[in-house]
Amino acid sequence: MGKIGFGVIGCGGIANYFHLPELSTIEEVKLVAVADIKENRARITAGKFKVPNWYTDYRELLEREDVEAVVIATPHPTHSPIAVDAIKAGKHVIIQKPMATKVSDAEAVVECAKKRKDLKVMALPFVYFDNPYFDYIKESIDNEYLGKVCMARIRVAHSGPEKYQDDVAKMFNEETGDCWFFDKERAEGGALFDMGVYSFTIANLLFGKAKKLVSSMGTLDKKASVEDSAATMMDMETGSIVVVETSWTQARGTNEIYIYGVKGMLVWEDFFGNPIVKHYDSSSSSWKIPSLTREKEPQHTHRHFVKCIVEDTVPIGTVEEGKYLVELMEAAQRSSEERRIIYF
C-alpha cells in the first residue's frame, strides 16, 4: 500500500498546532490538500506545510480521488454535516471533538457510517487517553487495587479561548477580538462542549455509562451567550458517583482526576501538559509516584488512525461512542435548563 492521501478541512488553531504538524511527520501519509472558508487561512496554511492544493470549499477537496482520508477541524456545529459529506464521498475521517452539538446530528453521522463499513471514522478525543498514565489508572480500578471506588472528580478548565483565538488570528494577520466560541449562534454550546467533552470521555472510559445525571451551568464571567462554567454529577452503572467540571474562568489551567477508593486514592494531574500520577495506599499510609512514559508513540493519534486504515482495525473512538458523549452533554444542558435530574 502506498502513502495515504490526507486532506485537512479547517485551517484554524487545532489544524496548525496539532493535526498538520503530526501528519506531516508520518511517513505513510501524504498531505494532499487543505480547505478553509477563509482564503487567506487556506493559502497560508498550505504554504506553511507544503501542501500542494488548497480550497475555500471543502466539497472540492472531497472530490479529489487522491484524498483518501480527511481531518475535520472546523467549528463545533459543522463537524457532523461535514463528516456526513466526507463519508458519502468515500473518505476515512477523523472528527475533531465534539462529534456534534446535537444528538440528532450525531445520529446522522452514525447512520451514514453504518452504510460504509469499509471506511474508518474516528471520533476524538477517546484516543488521547490511550496512554500509559490512563492505562495505569484503568488497571488500578479494574483490578480493585483501590478497593471499591465510590467517587471520582474530573476537572478540565482554563481561562478561556479568547487569547487562543487572538493568537490564531495573528498567525494569519487578521483582526483580533472575534471569538466564535462565545457566540451561541456559531458555537451552539460553550465550555461544556469545548472542554467538558474531555471530562465526560474520561468518565465513560473509566466508569462506563451513566444511569442518571444532574447539572448546573451558567455564564459567570465571560461576555458570552453560552455557558462559561458547568458541573455535572452522574451516578454510573458501576456504582460510583462521578463529578465532572469544566470552566473558562480559571486563572490557571487545570486538567486533573481524583479517584477515591476505600483502600486507596489516585490523582492524575496535568494530563495535557506534564502529567503525573500519585497513588495513595491506605495499607501503608503512603503515596507513590509510578514511573510512566507520557505516550505510547510519537504522533499517536494520527499513527493509530493510519494503522487502522492499513490493518483494517477499529479506531479508538467509534462514532457510536462519539454519539454517546453528545447524549451526555445534551442531557446536561437539559438538566441545567429544566432544573431536574435526567434518567437514562
C-alpha atoms as a PDB file:
ATOM      1  CA  MET A   1       0.000   0.000   0.000  1.00  0.00           C
ATOM      2  CA  GLY A   2       1.315   3.428  -0.938  1.00  0.00           C
ATOM      3  CA  LYS A   3       1.075   6.599   1.073  1.00  0.00           C
ATOM      4  CA  ILE A   4      -2.385   7.607   2.276  1.00  0.00           C
ATOM      5  CA  GLY A   5      -3.519  10.930   0.855  1.00  0.00           C
ATOM      6  CA  PHE A   6      -4.870  13.225   3.570  1.00  0.00           C
ATOM      7  CA  GLY A   7      -6.890  16.393   3.411  1.00  0.00           C
ATOM      8  CA  VAL A   8      -7.495  18.740   6.340  1.00  0.00           C
ATOM      9  CA  ILE A   9     -10.744  20.697   6.477  1.00  0.00           C
ATOM     10  CA  GLY A  10     -10.438  23.796   8.642  1.00  0.00           C
ATOM     11  CA  CYS A  11      -7.166  25.723   8.910  1.00  0.00           C
ATOM     12  CA  GLY A  12      -7.502  27.239  12.375  1.00  0.00           C
ATOM     13  CA  GLY A  13      -5.529  26.632  15.532  1.00  0.00           C
ATOM     14  CA  ILE A  14      -6.138  22.919  16.055  1.00  0.00           C
ATOM     15  CA  ALA A  15      -5.127  22.169  12.455  1.00  0.00           C
ATOM     16  CA  ASN A  16      -1.989  24.320  12.566  1.00  0.00           C
ATOM     17  CA  TYR A  17      -0.892  23.409  16.091  1.00  0.00           C
ATOM     18  CA  PHE A  18      -1.802  19.717  16.150  1.00  0.00           C
ATOM     19  CA  HIS A  19      -3.144  17.862  13.121  1.00  0.00           C
ATOM     20  CA  LEU A  20      -0.896  19.162  10.353  1.00  0.00           C
ATOM     21  CA  PRO A  21       2.375  19.068  12.346  1.00  0.00           C
ATOM     22  CA  GLU A  22       1.696  15.453  13.324  1.00  0.00           C
ATOM     23  CA  LEU A  23       0.524  14.273   9.911  1.00  0.00           C
ATOM     24  CA  SER A  24       3.499  15.915   8.194  1.00  0.00           C
ATOM     25  CA  THR A  25       5.932  13.725  10.164  1.00  0.00           C
ATOM     26  CA  ILE A  26       4.299  10.365   9.403  1.00  0.00           C
ATOM     27  CA  GLU A  27       5.996   8.503   6.563  1.00  0.00           C
ATOM     28  CA  GLU A  28       2.835   6.691   5.453  1.00  0.00           C
ATOM     29  CA  VAL A  29       0.960   9.994   4.977  1.00  0.00           C
ATOM     30  CA  LYS A  30       0.923  12.349   2.004  1.00  0.00           C
ATOM     31  CA  LEU A  31      -0.670  15.742   2.624  1.00  0.00           C
ATOM     32  CA  VAL A  32      -2.707  16.467  -0.494  1.00  0.00           C
ATOM     33  CA  ALA A  33      -4.989  19.400   0.284  1.00  0.00           C
ATOM     34  CA  VAL A  34      -6.386  21.773   2.897  1.00  0.00           C
ATOM     35  CA  ALA A  35      -9.606  23.765   2.930  1.00  0.00           C
ATOM     36  CA  ASP A  36     -10.960  26.732   4.850  1.00  0.00           C
ATOM     37  CA  ILE A  37     -13.768  29.181   4.133  1.00  0.00           C
ATOM     38  CA  LYS A  38     -11.210  31.959   4.672  1.00  0.00           C
ATOM     39  CA  GLU A  39      -8.987  32.057   1.584  1.00  0.00           C
ATOM     40  CA  ASN A  40      -6.104  33.619   3.488  1.00  0.00           C
ATOM     41  CA  ARG A  41      -6.037  30.783   6.018  1.00  0.00           C
ATOM     42  CA  ALA A  42      -6.198  28.060   3.396  1.00  0.00           C
ATOM     43  CA  ARG A  43      -3.432  29.621   1.305  1.00  0.00           C
ATOM     44  CA  ILE A  44      -1.063  30.396   4.193  1.00  0.00           C
ATOM     45  CA  THR A  45      -1.585  27.005   5.825  1.00  0.00           C
ATOM     46  CA  ALA A  46      -0.919  25.194   2.553  1.00  0.00           C
ATOM     47  CA  GLY A  47       2.324  27.104   2.123  1.00  0.00           C
ATOM     48  CA  LYS A  48       3.408  26.559   5.716  1.00  0.00           C
ATOM     49  CA  PHE A  49       3.069  22.770   5.499  1.00  0.00           C
ATOM     50  CA  LYS A  50       3.978  22.447   1.797  1.00  0.00           C
ATOM     51  CA  VAL A  51       0.540  21.157   0.878  1.00  0.00           C
ATOM     52  CA  PRO A  52       0.119  21.398  -2.914  1.00  0.00           C
ATOM     53  CA  ASN A  53      -3.618  22.175  -3.036  1.00  0.00           C
ATOM     54  CA  TRP A  54      -5.944  24.467  -1.099  1.00  0.00           C
ATOM     55  CA  TYR A  55      -9.640  25.288  -1.356  1.00  0.00           C
ATOM     56  CA  THR A  56     -12.256  27.583   0.146  1.00  0.00           C
ATOM     57  CA  ASP A  57     -14.973  24.971  -0.389  1.00  0.00           C
ATOM     58  CA  TYR A  58     -14.332  21.660   1.346  1.00  0.00           C
ATOM     59  CA  ARG A  59     -16.545  19.886  -1.178  1.00  0.00           C
ATOM     60  CA  GLU A  60     -13.906  20.476  -3.847  1.00  0.00           C
ATOM     61  CA  LEU A  61     -11.358  18.801  -1.579  1.00  0.00           C
ATOM     62  CA  LEU A  62     -13.696  15.829  -1.125  1.00  0.00           C
ATOM     63  CA  GLU A  63     -13.993  15.452  -4.901  1.00  0.00           C
ATOM     64  CA  ARG A  64     -10.294  14.614  -5.202  1.00  0.00           C
ATOM     65  CA  GLU A  65      -9.642  10.908  -5.710  1.00  0.00           C
ATOM     66  CA  ASP A  66      -6.152  11.254  -4.229  1.00  0.00           C
ATOM     67  CA  VAL A  67      -7.637  12.412  -0.912  1.00  0.00           C
ATOM     68  CA  GLU A  68      -8.374   9.136   0.845  1.00  0.00           C
ATOM     69  CA  ALA A  69      -8.758  10.444   4.404  1.00  0.00           C
ATOM     70  CA  VAL A  70      -9.713  13.757   5.959  1.00  0.00           C
ATOM     71  CA  VAL A  71      -9.460  15.523   9.285  1.00  0.00           C
ATOM     72  CA  ILE A  72     -12.406  17.740  10.208  1.00  0.00           C
ATOM     73  CA  ALA A  73     -11.109  20.656  12.282  1.00  0.00           C
ATOM     74  CA  THR A  74     -13.823  23.281  11.913  1.00  0.00           C
ATOM     75  CA  PRO A  75     -16.145  24.989  14.459  1.00  0.00           C
ATOM     76  CA  HIS A  76     -18.136  22.501  16.532  1.00  0.00           C
ATOM     77  CA  PRO A  77     -21.593  22.637  14.878  1.00  0.00           C
ATOM     78  CA  THR A  78     -20.084  21.954  11.439  1.00  0.00           C
ATOM     79  CA  HIS A  79     -18.332  18.706  12.412  1.00  0.00           C
ATOM     80  CA  SER A  80     -21.299  16.424  11.798  1.00  0.00           C
ATOM     81  CA  PRO A  81     -22.537  17.717   8.416  1.00  0.00           C
ATOM     82  CA  ILE A  82     -19.003  17.759   7.000  1.00  0.00           C
ATOM     83  CA  ALA A  83     -18.425  14.253   8.362  1.00  0.00           C
ATOM     84  CA  VAL A  84     -21.558  13.027   6.598  1.00  0.00           C
ATOM     85  CA  ASP A  85     -20.384  14.584   3.329  1.00  0.00           C
ATOM     86  CA  ALA A  86     -16.911  13.073   3.746  1.00  0.00           C
ATOM     87  CA  ILE A  87     -18.251   9.576   4.419  1.00  0.00           C
ATOM     88  CA  LYS A  88     -20.588   9.824   1.430  1.00  0.00           C
ATOM     89  CA  ALA A  89     -17.551  10.829  -0.649  1.00  0.00           C
ATOM     90  CA  GLY A  90     -15.810   7.625   0.425  1.00  0.00           C
ATOM     91  CA  LYS A  91     -13.216   9.120   2.767  1.00  0.00           C
ATOM     92  CA  HIS A  92     -11.814   7.834   6.040  1.00  0.00           C
ATOM     93  CA  VAL A  93     -12.497  10.519   8.662  1.00  0.00           C
ATOM     94  CA  ILE A  94     -11.050  11.906  11.878  1.00  0.00           C
ATOM     95  CA  ILE A  95     -13.689  14.095  13.553  1.00  0.00           C
ATOM     96  CA  GLN A  96     -12.416  16.739  15.950  1.00  0.00           C
ATOM     97  CA  LYS A  97     -14.249  16.818  19.291  1.00  0.00           C
ATOM     98  CA  PRO A  98     -17.148  17.085  19.865  1.00  0.00           C
ATOM     99  CA  MET A  99     -18.539  14.903  17.085  1.00  0.00           C
ATOM    100  CA  ALA A 100     -21.692  17.033  17.090  1.00  0.00           C
ATOM    101  CA  THR A 101     -23.537  19.571  19.209  1.00  0.00           C
ATOM    102  CA  LYS A 102     -26.924  17.871  18.868  1.00  0.00           C
ATOM    103  CA  VAL A 103     -27.847  14.211  19.275  1.00  0.00           C
ATOM    104  CA  SER A 104     -29.799  14.312  16.016  1.00  0.00           C
ATOM    105  CA  ASP A 105     -26.654  15.432  14.162  1.00  0.00           C
ATOM    106  CA  ALA A 106     -24.583  12.716  15.848  1.00  0.00           C
ATOM    107  CA  GLU A 107     -27.177  10.136  14.800  1.00  0.00           C
ATOM    108  CA  ALA A 108     -26.815  11.298  11.194  1.00  0.00           C
ATOM    109  CA  VAL A 109     -23.080  10.536  11.328  1.00  0.00           C
ATOM    110  CA  VAL A 110     -23.689   7.114  12.869  1.00  0.00           C
ATOM    111  CA  GLU A 111     -26.301   6.168  10.278  1.00  0.00           C
ATOM    112  CA  CYS A 112     -24.080   7.324   7.424  1.00  0.00           C
ATOM    113  CA  ALA A 113     -21.070   5.406   8.764  1.00  0.00           C
ATOM    114  CA  LYS A 114     -23.150   2.214   9.055  1.00  0.00           C
ATOM    115  CA  LYS A 115     -23.603   2.275   5.285  1.00  0.00           C
ATOM    116  CA  ARG A 116     -19.844   2.476   4.690  1.00  0.00           C
ATOM    117  CA  LYS A 117     -18.309  -0.147   6.942  1.00  0.00           C
ATOM    118  CA  ASP A 118     -15.251  -0.166   4.676  1.00  0.00           C
ATOM    119  CA  LEU A 119     -14.318   3.301   5.967  1.00  0.00           C
ATOM    120  CA  LYS A 120     -12.612   4.207   9.232  1.00  0.00           C
ATOM    121  CA  VAL A 121     -14.292   7.029  11.129  1.00  0.00           C
ATOM    122  CA  MET A 122     -12.692   8.101  14.414  1.00  0.00           C
ATOM    123  CA  ALA A 123     -14.350  10.457  16.877  1.00  0.00           C
ATOM    124  CA  LEU A 124     -11.999  12.407  19.125  1.00  0.00           C
ATOM    125  CA  PRO A 125     -10.956  12.691  21.952  1.00  0.00           C
ATOM    126  CA  PHE A 126     -11.040   8.997  23.051  1.00  0.00           C
ATOM    127  CA  VAL A 127      -7.646   8.128  21.547  1.00  0.00           C
ATOM    128  CA  TYR A 128      -5.975  10.956  23.509  1.00  0.00           C
ATOM    129  CA  PHE A 129      -6.316   8.756  26.593  1.00  0.00           C
ATOM    130  CA  ASP A 130      -4.715   5.692  25.038  1.00  0.00           C
ATOM    131  CA  ASN A 131      -1.531   6.243  27.026  1.00  0.00           C
ATOM    132  CA  PRO A 132       0.430   4.622  29.894  1.00  0.00           C
ATOM    133  CA  TYR A 133      -0.956   7.014  32.536  1.00  0.00           C
ATOM    134  CA  PHE A 134      -4.548   6.231  31.697  1.00  0.00           C
ATOM    135  CA  ASP A 135      -3.766   2.507  31.444  1.00  0.00           C
ATOM    136  CA  TYR A 136      -2.310   2.584  34.966  1.00  0.00           C
ATOM    137  CA  ILE A 137      -5.444   4.238  36.348  1.00  0.00           C
ATOM    138  CA  LYS A 138      -7.813   1.928  34.473  1.00  0.00           C
ATOM    139  CA  GLU A 139      -5.893  -1.156  35.637  1.00  0.00           C
ATOM    140  CA  SER A 140      -5.912   0.089  39.237  1.00  0.00           C
ATOM    141  CA  ILE A 141      -9.696   0.450  39.144  1.00  0.00           C
ATOM    142  CA  ASP A 142     -10.450  -2.766  37.263  1.00  0.00           C
ATOM    143  CA  ASN A 143      -8.160  -4.875  39.488  1.00  0.00           C
ATOM    144  CA  GLU A 144      -9.572  -3.249  42.640  1.00  0.00           C
ATOM    145  CA  TYR A 145      -6.173  -2.001  43.813  1.00  0.00           C
ATOM    146  CA  LEU A 146      -8.099   0.958  45.258  1.00  0.00           C
ATOM    147  CA  GLY A 147     -10.856  -1.212  46.677  1.00  0.00           C
ATOM    148  CA  LYS A 148     -14.370  -0.142  45.865  1.00  0.00           C
ATOM    149  CA  VAL A 149     -14.312   3.204  44.052  1.00  0.00           C
ATOM    150  CA  CYS A 150     -17.157   5.236  45.486  1.00  0.00           C
ATOM    151  CA  MET A 151     -16.470   8.647  43.966  1.00  0.00           C
ATOM    152  CA  ALA A 152     -14.384  10.434  41.371  1.00  0.00           C
ATOM    153  CA  ARG A 153     -13.906  14.027  40.272  1.00  0.00           C
ATOM    154  CA  ILE A 154     -12.700  15.063  36.826  1.00  0.00           C
ATOM    155  CA  ARG A 155     -11.923  18.698  36.034  1.00  0.00           C
ATOM    156  CA  VAL A 156     -10.787  20.275  32.768  1.00  0.00           C
ATOM    157  CA  ALA A 157     -10.629  24.060  32.859  1.00  0.00           C
ATOM    158  CA  HIS A 158      -8.652  27.091  31.726  1.00  0.00           C
ATOM    159  CA  SER A 159      -9.007  30.855  31.416  1.00  0.00           C
ATOM    160  CA  GLY A 160     -10.974  30.787  28.174  1.00  0.00           C
ATOM    161  CA  PRO A 161     -10.471  30.500  24.404  1.00  0.00           C
ATOM    162  CA  GLU A 162     -10.212  34.201  23.565  1.00  0.00           C
ATOM    163  CA  LYS A 163      -6.407  34.514  23.785  1.00  0.00           C
ATOM    164  CA  TYR A 164      -6.029  31.327  21.780  1.00  0.00           C
ATOM    165  CA  GLN A 165      -8.363  32.734  19.138  1.00  0.00           C
ATOM    166  CA  ASP A 166      -6.433  36.011  19.036  1.00  0.00           C
ATOM    167  CA  ASP A 167      -3.152  34.119  18.613  1.00  0.00           C
ATOM    168  CA  VAL A 168      -4.644  32.222  15.678  1.00  0.00           C
ATOM    169  CA  ALA A 169      -5.909  35.465  14.127  1.00  0.00           C
ATOM    170  CA  LYS A 170      -2.431  37.000  14.425  1.00  0.00           C
ATOM    171  CA  MET A 171      -0.973  33.955  12.664  1.00  0.00           C
ATOM    172  CA  PHE A 172      -2.981  34.981   9.603  1.00  0.00           C
ATOM    173  CA  ASN A 173      -2.676  38.772  10.039  1.00  0.00           C
ATOM    174  CA  GLU A 174      -6.376  39.031  10.868  1.00  0.00           C
ATOM    175  CA  GLU A 175      -8.111  41.377  13.281  1.00  0.00           C
ATOM    176  CA  THR A 176      -8.324  40.073  16.831  1.00  0.00           C
ATOM    177  CA  GLY A 177     -11.286  40.092  19.203  1.00  0.00           C
ATOM    178  CA  ASP A 178     -13.654  37.769  17.335  1.00  0.00           C
ATOM    179  CA  CYS A 179     -14.131  34.650  19.463  1.00  0.00           C
ATOM    180  CA  TRP A 180     -16.720  32.369  17.862  1.00  0.00           C
ATOM    181  CA  PHE A 181     -16.653  30.143  20.950  1.00  0.00           C
ATOM    182  CA  PHE A 182     -18.626  32.849  22.840  1.00  0.00           C
ATOM    183  CA  ASP A 183     -21.392  33.170  20.227  1.00  0.00           C
ATOM    184  CA  LYS A 184     -24.284  30.737  20.718  1.00  0.00           C
ATOM    185  CA  GLU A 185     -25.369  31.097  17.100  1.00  0.00           C
ATOM    186  CA  ARG A 186     -21.959  29.977  15.834  1.00  0.00           C
ATOM    187  CA  ALA A 187     -20.924  27.608  18.641  1.00  0.00           C
ATOM    188  CA  GLU A 188     -24.276  26.182  19.889  1.00  0.00           C
ATOM    189  CA  GLY A 189     -22.603  25.425  23.215  1.00  0.00           C
ATOM    190  CA  GLY A 190     -19.861  26.801  25.436  1.00  0.00           C
ATOM    191  CA  ALA A 191     -17.355  25.347  27.862  1.00  0.00           C
ATOM    192  CA  LEU A 192     -19.405  22.154  28.177  1.00  0.00           C
ATOM    193  CA  PHE A 193     -18.862  21.106  24.552  1.00  0.00           C
ATOM    194  CA  ASP A 194     -15.419  22.671  24.218  1.00  0.00           C
ATOM    195  CA  MET A 195     -13.762  21.400  27.413  1.00  0.00           C
ATOM    196  CA  GLY A 196     -16.332  19.285  29.239  1.00  0.00           C
ATOM    197  CA  VAL A 197     -16.194  16.728  26.438  1.00  0.00           C
ATOM    198  CA  TYR A 198     -12.816  15.610  27.830  1.00  0.00           C
ATOM    199  CA  SER A 199     -14.238  15.074  31.310  1.00  0.00           C
ATOM    200  CA  PHE A 200     -17.206  13.094  30.001  1.00  0.00           C
ATOM    201  CA  THR A 201     -14.872  10.994  27.849  1.00  0.00           C
ATOM    202  CA  ILE A 202     -12.714  10.059  30.828  1.00  0.00           C
ATOM    203  CA  ALA A 203     -15.769   9.271  32.961  1.00  0.00           C
ATOM    204  CA  ASN A 204     -17.129   6.998  30.232  1.00  0.00           C
ATOM    205  CA  LEU A 205     -13.812   5.193  29.696  1.00  0.00           C
ATOM    206  CA  LEU A 206     -13.261   4.577  33.412  1.00  0.00           C
ATOM    207  CA  PHE A 207     -16.777   4.016  34.727  1.00  0.00           C
ATOM    208  CA  GLY A 208     -18.976   3.071  31.780  1.00  0.00           C
ATOM    209  CA  LYS A 209     -22.368   4.644  31.203  1.00  0.00           C
ATOM    210  CA  ALA A 210     -24.406   6.940  33.422  1.00  0.00           C
ATOM    211  CA  LYS A 211     -27.707   5.911  34.995  1.00  0.00           C
ATOM    212  CA  LYS A 212     -28.711   9.482  35.811  1.00  0.00           C
ATOM    213  CA  LEU A 213     -27.206  12.956  35.992  1.00  0.00           C
ATOM    214  CA  VAL A 214     -27.890  16.423  37.293  1.00  0.00           C
ATOM    215  CA  SER A 215     -26.100  19.513  36.046  1.00  0.00           C
ATOM    216  CA  SER A 216     -25.700  23.213  36.694  1.00  0.00           C
ATOM    217  CA  MET A 217     -24.117  25.665  34.295  1.00  0.00           C
ATOM    218  CA  GLY A 218     -24.024  29.369  33.699  1.00  0.00           C
ATOM    219  CA  THR A 219     -22.209  32.371  32.276  1.00  0.00           C
ATOM    220  CA  LEU A 220     -20.376  33.638  35.335  1.00  0.00           C
ATOM    221  CA  ASP A 221     -17.663  35.892  33.908  1.00  0.00           C
ATOM    222  CA  LYS A 222     -17.321  35.983  30.121  1.00  0.00           C
ATOM    223  CA  LYS A 223     -19.246  38.302  27.838  1.00  0.00           C
ATOM    224  CA  ALA A 224     -20.776  35.356  26.043  1.00  0.00           C
ATOM    225  CA  SER A 225     -24.159  33.955  25.045  1.00  0.00           C
ATOM    226  CA  VAL A 226     -23.039  30.449  26.047  1.00  0.00           C
ATOM    227  CA  GLU A 227     -22.059  28.957  29.408  1.00  0.00           C
ATOM    228  CA  ASP A 228     -18.519  29.556  30.661  1.00  0.00           C
ATOM    229  CA  SER A 229     -18.798  27.097  33.571  1.00  0.00           C
ATOM    230  CA  ALA A 230     -20.524  23.754  34.117  1.00  0.00           C
ATOM    231  CA  ALA A 231     -20.625  20.968  36.692  1.00  0.00           C
ATOM    232  CA  THR A 232     -22.393  17.637  36.325  1.00  0.00           C
ATOM    233  CA  MET A 233     -22.855  14.834  38.845  1.00  0.00           C
ATOM    234  CA  MET A 234     -23.527  11.346  37.485  1.00  0.00           C
ATOM    235  CA  ASP A 235     -24.495   8.013  39.023  1.00  0.00           C
ATOM    236  CA  MET A 236     -22.624   5.415  36.973  1.00  0.00           C
ATOM    237  CA  GLU A 237     -23.569   1.833  36.144  1.00  0.00           C
ATOM    238  CA  THR A 238     -20.508   0.692  38.109  1.00  0.00           C
ATOM    239  CA  GLY A 239     -21.996   2.188  41.278  1.00  0.00           C
ATOM    240  CA  SER A 240     -19.620   5.148  41.501  1.00  0.00           C
ATOM    241  CA  ILE A 241     -20.655   8.782  41.741  1.00  0.00           C
ATOM    242  CA  VAL A 242     -18.641  10.916  39.311  1.00  0.00           C
ATOM    243  CA  VAL A 243     -18.487  14.713  39.225  1.00  0.00           C
ATOM    244  CA  VAL A 244     -17.278  16.329  36.004  1.00  0.00           C
ATOM    245  CA  GLU A 245     -16.380  20.012  35.953  1.00  0.00           C
ATOM    246  CA  THR A 246     -15.327  22.475  33.298  1.00  0.00           C
ATOM    247  CA  SER A 247     -14.793  26.205  33.090  1.00  0.00           C
ATOM    248  CA  TRP A 248     -13.374  29.047  31.017  1.00  0.00           C
ATOM    249  CA  THR A 249     -12.977  31.250  34.111  1.00  0.00           C
ATOM    250  CA  GLN A 250      -9.935  29.788  35.833  1.00  0.00           C
ATOM    251  CA  ALA A 251      -6.746  31.868  36.086  1.00  0.00           C
ATOM    252  CA  ARG A 252      -4.512  28.833  35.624  1.00  0.00           C
ATOM    253  CA  GLY A 253      -5.455  25.822  33.538  1.00  0.00           C
ATOM    254  CA  THR A 254      -6.276  22.601  35.363  1.00  0.00           C
ATOM    255  CA  ASN A 255      -6.567  19.082  33.974  1.00  0.00           C
ATOM    256  CA  GLU A 256      -6.947  16.655  36.839  1.00  0.00           C
ATOM    257  CA  ILE A 257      -8.639  13.476  38.004  1.00  0.00           C
ATOM    258  CA  TYR A 258      -9.249  12.392  41.600  1.00  0.00           C
ATOM    259  CA  ILE A 259     -10.390   8.815  42.161  1.00  0.00           C
ATOM    260  CA  TYR A 260     -11.452   7.860  45.679  1.00  0.00           C
ATOM    261  CA  GLY A 261     -11.447   4.192  46.704  1.00  0.00           C
ATOM    262  CA  VAL A 262     -11.957   2.609  50.131  1.00  0.00           C
ATOM    263  CA  LYS A 263      -8.387   1.223  50.081  1.00  0.00           C
ATOM    264  CA  GLY A 264      -6.588   3.863  48.068  1.00  0.00           C
ATOM    265  CA  MET A 265      -6.716   7.023  46.019  1.00  0.00           C
ATOM    266  CA  LEU A 266      -5.363   8.110  42.641  1.00  0.00           C
ATOM    267  CA  VAL A 267      -4.612  11.610  41.421  1.00  0.00           C
ATOM    268  CA  TRP A 268      -3.709  12.328  37.790  1.00  0.00           C
ATOM    269  CA  GLU A 269      -2.555  15.918  37.382  1.00  0.00           C
ATOM    270  CA  ASP A 270      -1.854  17.989  34.274  1.00  0.00           C
ATOM    271  CA  PHE A 271      -2.693  15.194  31.848  1.00  0.00           C
ATOM    272  CA  PHE A 272      -2.475  17.549  28.843  1.00  0.00           C
ATOM    273  CA  GLY A 273       0.824  19.069  29.955  1.00  0.00           C
ATOM    274  CA  ASN A 274       3.417  17.419  32.177  1.00  0.00           C
ATOM    275  CA  PRO A 275       1.396  14.523  33.586  1.00  0.00           C
ATOM    276  CA  ILE A 276       1.985  12.897  36.932  1.00  0.00           C
ATOM    277  CA  VAL A 277       0.065  10.143  38.706  1.00  0.00           C
ATOM    278  CA  LYS A 278       0.051   9.913  42.506  1.00  0.00           C
ATOM    279  CA  HIS A 279      -1.160   6.704  44.151  1.00  0.00           C
ATOM    280  CA  TYR A 280      -2.135   6.629  47.835  1.00  0.00           C
ATOM    281  CA  ASP A 281      -2.226   3.210  49.537  1.00  0.00           C
ATOM    282  CA  SER A 282      -4.113   3.127  52.848  1.00  0.00           C
ATOM    283  CA  SER A 283      -2.371  -0.092  53.975  1.00  0.00           C
ATOM    284  CA  SER A 284       0.971   1.724  54.136  1.00  0.00           C
ATOM    285  CA  SER A 285      -0.435   5.234  54.606  1.00  0.00           C
ATOM    286  CA  SER A 286       1.918   6.427  51.886  1.00  0.00           C
ATOM    287  CA  TRP A 287       1.964   7.967  48.435  1.00  0.00           C
ATOM    288  CA  LYS A 288       3.895   6.573  45.494  1.00  0.00           C
ATOM    289  CA  ILE A 289       4.552   8.068  42.081  1.00  0.00           C
ATOM    290  CA  PRO A 290       4.809   5.354  39.418  1.00  0.00           C
ATOM    291  CA  SER A 291       7.374   5.853  36.664  1.00  0.00           C
ATOM    292  CA  LEU A 292       5.435   6.101  33.412  1.00  0.00           C
ATOM    293  CA  THR A 293       6.143   7.285  29.885  1.00  0.00           C
ATOM    294  CA  ARG A 294       3.953  10.067  28.531  1.00  0.00           C
ATOM    295  CA  GLU A 295       2.792   8.356  25.346  1.00  0.00           C
ATOM    296  CA  LYS A 296       2.927   5.015  23.592  1.00  0.00           C
ATOM    297  CA  GLU A 297       4.479   6.520  20.465  1.00  0.00           C
ATOM    298  CA  PRO A 298       5.022   9.961  18.917  1.00  0.00           C
ATOM    299  CA  GLN A 299       2.032  11.329  16.965  1.00  0.00           C
ATOM    300  CA  HIS A 300      -0.077   8.526  18.442  1.00  0.00           C
ATOM    301  CA  THR A 301      -3.476   9.965  17.469  1.00  0.00           C
ATOM    302  CA  HIS A 302      -2.683  10.031  13.769  1.00  0.00           C
ATOM    303  CA  ARG A 303      -0.402   6.979  13.676  1.00  0.00           C
ATOM    304  CA  HIS A 304      -3.172   4.958  15.313  1.00  0.00           C
ATOM    305  CA  PHE A 305      -5.649   6.109  12.669  1.00  0.00           C
ATOM    306  CA  VAL A 306      -3.269   5.315   9.816  1.00  0.00           C
ATOM    307  CA  LYS A 307      -2.673   1.869  11.310  1.00  0.00           C
ATOM    308  CA  CYS A 308      -6.433   1.275  11.455  1.00  0.00           C
ATOM    309  CA  ILE A 309      -6.699   2.076   7.740  1.00  0.00           C
ATOM    310  CA  VAL A 310      -3.738  -0.109   6.767  1.00  0.00           C
ATOM    311  CA  GLU A 311      -4.620  -3.068   9.005  1.00  0.00           C
ATOM    312  CA  ASP A 312      -8.415  -2.728   8.762  1.00  0.00           C
ATOM    313  CA  THR A 313      -8.981  -2.408  12.507  1.00  0.00           C
ATOM    314  CA  VAL A 314     -11.497  -0.387  14.525  1.00  0.00           C
ATOM    315  CA  PRO A 315     -10.308   3.059  15.690  1.00  0.00           C
ATOM    316  CA  ILE A 316     -10.302   4.053  19.343  1.00  0.00           C
ATOM    317  CA  GLY A 317     -13.341   6.315  19.484  1.00  0.00           C
ATOM    318  CA  THR A 318     -16.119   4.976  17.270  1.00  0.00           C
ATOM    319  CA  VAL A 319     -18.937   7.179  16.028  1.00  0.00           C
ATOM    320  CA  GLU A 320     -21.281   5.340  18.401  1.00  0.00           C
ATOM    321  CA  GLU A 321     -19.034   6.341  21.307  1.00  0.00           C
ATOM    322  CA  GLY A 322     -18.869   9.894  19.986  1.00  0.00           C
ATOM    323  CA  LYS A 323     -22.652   9.983  19.845  1.00  0.00           C
ATOM    324  CA  TYR A 324     -22.882   8.832  23.462  1.00  0.00           C
ATOM    325  CA  LEU A 325     -20.790  11.808  24.588  1.00  0.00           C
ATOM    326  CA  VAL A 326     -23.182  14.139  22.777  1.00  0.00           C
ATOM    327  CA  GLU A 327     -26.111  12.410  24.502  1.00  0.00           C
ATOM    328  CA  LEU A 328     -24.500  13.062  27.891  1.00  0.00           C
ATOM    329  CA  MET A 329     -23.749  16.705  27.153  1.00  0.00           C
ATOM    330  CA  GLU A 330     -27.182  17.377  25.701  1.00  0.00           C
ATOM    331  CA  ALA A 331     -28.687  15.776  28.817  1.00  0.00           C
ATOM    332  CA  ALA A 332     -26.502  18.010  30.997  1.00  0.00           C
ATOM    333  CA  GLN A 333     -27.774  21.064  29.121  1.00  0.00           C
ATOM    334  CA  ARG A 334     -31.358  19.922  29.595  1.00  0.00           C
ATOM    335  CA  SER A 335     -30.820  19.193  33.286  1.00  0.00           C
ATOM    336  CA  SER A 336     -29.480  22.682  33.907  1.00  0.00           C
ATOM    337  CA  GLU A 337     -32.172  24.410  31.865  1.00  0.00           C
ATOM    338  CA  GLU A 338     -35.055  22.410  33.366  1.00  0.00           C
ATOM    339  CA  ARG A 339     -33.536  22.108  36.857  1.00  0.00           C
ATOM    340  CA  ARG A 340     -34.139  18.401  37.135  1.00  0.00           C
ATOM    341  CA  ILE A 341     -32.433  15.014  37.183  1.00  0.00           C
ATOM    342  CA  ILE A 342     -32.139  13.268  33.824  1.00  0.00           C
ATOM    343  CA  TYR A 343     -32.519   9.472  33.830  1.00  0.00           C
ATOM    344  CA  PHE A 344     -31.174   7.151  31.138  1.00  0.00           C
END
